[in-house]
Amino acid sequence: MVCGERIQITESYWSVCWKWIFPYPCKKSRTTWKFQYDFRPTRTRITWPFRCSWQGCCGSTLYEWSTWCWSGSGNSAWDEYNIVTRYFDTQPSSIGDCPFTGGEVG
């Protein structure tokens, strides 16, 4: 598992491009540095519409982060099978120790 490794990635984003004098939406890309975290297990927490909150273990440390989404989320059970990889601009603060042995459910 990767926990806080600084890597260089290429990310895409929407922007405005111009053809003659006419603006139109277009996708661009840029290369930037991010901190990579692989979380397992993960779960969602109660949030507001358009904002989703997550908790996940990376190693033996528990983290919490939020993202934009189309609908809010409710409390879910721990997903112990799928690894969720996230890239952050700055290193997130931990909220405690992972409630599982060595970051693994069981």
C-alpha atoms as a PDB file:
ATOM      1  CA  MET A   1       0.000   0.000   0.000  1.00  0.00           C
ATOM      2  CA  VAL A   2       1.144   3.491  -0.810  1.00  0.00           C
ATOM      3  CA  CYS A   3       0.708   5.999   2.025  1.00  0.00           C
ATOM      4  CA  GLY A   4       1.750   9.561   1.232  1.00  0.00           C
ATOM      5  CA  GLU A   5       4.207   8.985  -1.588  1.00  0.00           C
ATOM      6  CA  ARG A   6       4.748  12.143  -3.658  1.00  0.00           C
ATOM      7  CA  ILE A   7       4.356  11.290  -7.340  1.00  0.00           C
ATOM      8  CA  GLN A   8       4.012  13.149 -10.608  1.00  0.00           C
ATOM      9  CA  ILE A   9       0.708  12.590 -12.430  1.00  0.00           C
ATOM     10  CA  THR A  10      -1.035  13.956 -15.496  1.00  0.00           C
ATOM     11  CA  GLU A  11      -4.567  15.111 -14.740  1.00  0.00           C
ATOM     12  CA  SER A  12      -7.251  16.359 -17.106  1.00  0.00           C
ATOM     13  CA  TYR A  13      -9.656  19.217 -16.468  1.00  0.00           C
ATOM     14  CA  TRP A  14     -12.337  21.201 -18.290  1.00  0.00           C
ATOM     15  CA  SER A  15     -11.473  24.643 -19.621  1.00  0.00           C
ATOM     16  CA  VAL A  16     -12.558  27.172 -22.250  1.00  0.00           C
ATOM     17  CA  CYS A  17     -10.889  27.047 -25.645  1.00  0.00           C
ATOM     18  CA  TRP A  18     -11.265  29.499 -28.480  1.00  0.00           C
ATOM     19  CA  LYS A  19     -11.836  28.869 -32.178  1.00  0.00           C
ATOM     20  CA  TRP A  20     -11.626  32.166 -33.981  1.00  0.00           C
ATOM     21  CA  ILE A  21     -13.776  34.350 -31.703  1.00  0.00           C
ATOM     22  CA  PHE A  22     -16.010  31.575 -30.386  1.00  0.00           C
ATOM     23  CA  PRO A  23     -15.497  29.996 -26.962  1.00  0.00           C
ATOM     24  CA  TYR A  24     -16.215  26.305 -26.452  1.00  0.00           C
ATOM     25  CA  PRO A  25     -15.658  23.818 -23.604  1.00  0.00           C
ATOM     26  CA  CYS A  26     -12.643  21.576 -24.014  1.00  0.00           C
ATOM     27  CA  LYS A  27     -10.560  19.179 -21.966  1.00  0.00           C
ATOM     28  CA  LYS A  28      -6.945  20.031 -21.219  1.00  0.00           C
ATOM     29  CA  SER A  29      -4.277  18.236 -19.252  1.00  0.00           C
ATOM     30  CA  ARG A  30      -1.407  19.230 -16.998  1.00  0.00           C
ATOM     31  CA  THR A  31       1.380  17.463 -15.170  1.00  0.00           C
ATOM     32  CA  THR A  32       1.499  18.074 -11.434  1.00  0.00           C
ATOM     33  CA  TRP A  33       2.769  16.606  -8.160  1.00  0.00           C
ATOM     34  CA  LYS A  34       0.324  14.882  -5.772  1.00  0.00           C
ATOM     35  CA  PHE A  35       0.420  12.674  -2.681  1.00  0.00           C
ATOM     36  CA  GLN A  36      -0.874   9.167  -3.386  1.00  0.00           C
ATOM     37  CA  TYR A  37      -2.773   7.127  -0.792  1.00  0.00           C
ATOM     38  CA  ASP A  38      -4.192   3.611  -1.220  1.00  0.00           C
ATOM     39  CA  PHE A  39      -7.045   3.095   1.256  1.00  0.00           C
ATOM     40  CA  ARG A  40      -8.410  -0.262   2.373  1.00  0.00           C
ATOM     41  CA  PRO A  41     -10.884  -0.684   3.978  1.00  0.00           C
ATOM     42  CA  THR A  42     -13.061   2.380   3.261  1.00  0.00           C
ATOM     43  CA  ARG A  43     -16.554   3.606   4.133  1.00  0.00           C
ATOM     44  CA  THR A  44     -18.782   6.611   3.443  1.00  0.00           C
ATOM     45  CA  ARG A  45     -20.205   8.867   6.137  1.00  0.00           C
ATOM     46  CA  ILE A  46     -23.386  11.008   6.273  1.00  0.00           C
ATOM     47  CA  THR A  47     -22.934  14.215   4.252  1.00  0.00           C
ATOM     48  CA  TRP A  48     -24.816  17.036   2.553  1.00  0.00           C
ATOM     49  CA  PRO A  49     -25.969  16.913  -1.081  1.00  0.00           C
ATOM     50  CA  PHE A  50     -23.092  17.387  -3.556  1.00  0.00           C
ATOM     51  CA  ARG A  51     -20.483  16.581  -0.888  1.00  0.00           C
ATOM     52  CA  CYS A  52     -19.400  13.029  -0.020  1.00  0.00           C
ATOM     53  CA  SER A  53     -17.310  12.192   3.025  1.00  0.00           C
ATOM     54  CA  TRP A  54     -15.056   9.118   3.223  1.00  0.00           C
ATOM     55  CA  GLN A  55     -12.993   7.337   5.852  1.00  0.00           C
ATOM     56  CA  GLY A  56     -10.244   4.886   5.032  1.00  0.00           C
ATOM     57  CA  CYS A  57      -7.210   3.105   6.423  1.00  0.00           C
ATOM     58  CA  CYS A  58      -3.781   3.433   4.906  1.00  0.00           C
ATOM     59  CA  GLY A  59      -1.482   1.106   6.782  1.00  0.00           C
ATOM     60  CA  SER A  60      -2.432   1.406  10.448  1.00  0.00           C
ATOM     61  CA  THR A  61      -3.643   5.035  10.216  1.00  0.00           C
ATOM     62  CA  LEU A  62      -7.249   6.207   9.715  1.00  0.00           C
ATOM     63  CA  TYR A  63      -7.927   9.203   7.431  1.00  0.00           C
ATOM     64  CA  GLU A  64     -11.022  11.208   6.516  1.00  0.00           C
ATOM     65  CA  TRP A  65     -11.552  13.265   3.352  1.00  0.00           C
ATOM     66  CA  SER A  66     -14.422  14.689   1.333  1.00  0.00           C
ATOM     67  CA  THR A  67     -15.107  15.084  -2.380  1.00  0.00           C
ATOM     68  CA  TRP A  68     -17.703  16.659  -4.632  1.00  0.00           C
ATOM     69  CA  CYS A  69     -20.385  14.237  -5.807  1.00  0.00           C
ATOM     70  CA  TRP A  70     -23.814  14.343  -7.453  1.00  0.00           C
ATOM     71  CA  SER A  71     -25.687  13.214  -4.380  1.00  0.00           C
ATOM     72  CA  GLY A  72     -24.957  12.942  -0.710  1.00  0.00           C
ATOM     73  CA  SER A  73     -23.990   9.681   0.898  1.00  0.00           C
ATOM     74  CA  GLY A  74     -25.114   7.796   3.954  1.00  0.00           C
ATOM     75  CA  ASN A  75     -23.226   5.675   6.405  1.00  0.00           C
ATOM     76  CA  SER A  76     -21.963   2.506   4.764  1.00  0.00           C
ATOM     77  CA  ALA A  77     -20.343  -0.631   6.077  1.00  0.00           C
ATOM     78  CA  TRP A  78     -16.581  -0.996   5.721  1.00  0.00           C
ATOM     79  CA  ASP A  79     -15.594  -2.138   2.214  1.00  0.00           C
ATOM     80  CA  GLU A  80     -12.754  -4.489   2.959  1.00  0.00           C
ATOM     81  CA  TYR A  81     -12.231  -5.836  -0.561  1.00  0.00           C
ATOM     82  CA  ASN A  82     -11.548  -2.850  -2.817  1.00  0.00           C
ATOM     83  CA  ILE A  83      -8.541  -0.556  -2.682  1.00  0.00           C
ATOM     84  CA  VAL A  84      -9.465   3.116  -3.188  1.00  0.00           C
ATOM     85  CA  THR A  85      -6.584   5.213  -4.540  1.00  0.00           C
ATOM     86  CA  ARG A  86      -6.767   8.978  -3.981  1.00  0.00           C
ATOM     87  CA  TYR A  87      -4.407  11.799  -4.927  1.00  0.00           C
ATOM     88  CA  PHE A  88      -4.186  14.874  -2.657  1.00  0.00           C
ATOM     89  CA  ASP A  89      -2.529  18.275  -3.141  1.00  0.00           C
ATOM     90  CA  THR A  90      -1.380  18.232   0.493  1.00  0.00           C
ATOM     91  CA  GLN A  91      -1.004  15.362   2.911  1.00  0.00           C
ATOM     92  CA  PRO A  92      -4.262  14.768   4.804  1.00  0.00           C
ATOM     93  CA  SER A  93      -4.248  14.704   8.595  1.00  0.00           C
ATOM     94  CA  SER A  94      -4.974  11.409  10.275  1.00  0.00           C
ATOM     95  CA  ILE A  95      -7.992  11.132  12.574  1.00  0.00           C
ATOM     96  CA  GLY A  96      -6.614   8.227  14.589  1.00  0.00           C
ATOM     97  CA  ASP A  97      -5.547   4.633  14.412  1.00  0.00           C
ATOM     98  CA  CYS A  98      -7.175   2.238  11.995  1.00  0.00           C
ATOM     99  CA  PRO A  99      -9.794   0.155  13.867  1.00  0.00           C
ATOM    100  CA  PHE A 100      -8.478  -2.965  12.115  1.00  0.00           C
ATOM    101  CA  THR A 101      -5.280  -4.918  12.659  1.00  0.00           C
ATOM    102  CA  GLY A 102      -2.571  -3.653  10.298  1.00  0.00           C
ATOM    103  CA  GLY A 103      -5.116  -1.783   8.167  1.00  0.00           C
ATOM    104  CA  GLU A 104      -6.893  -5.031   7.298  1.00  0.00           C
ATOM    105  CA  VAL A 105     -10.408  -6.056   8.273  1.00  0.00           C
ATOM    106  CA  GLY A 106     -10.493  -9.193  10.306  1.00  0.00           C
END
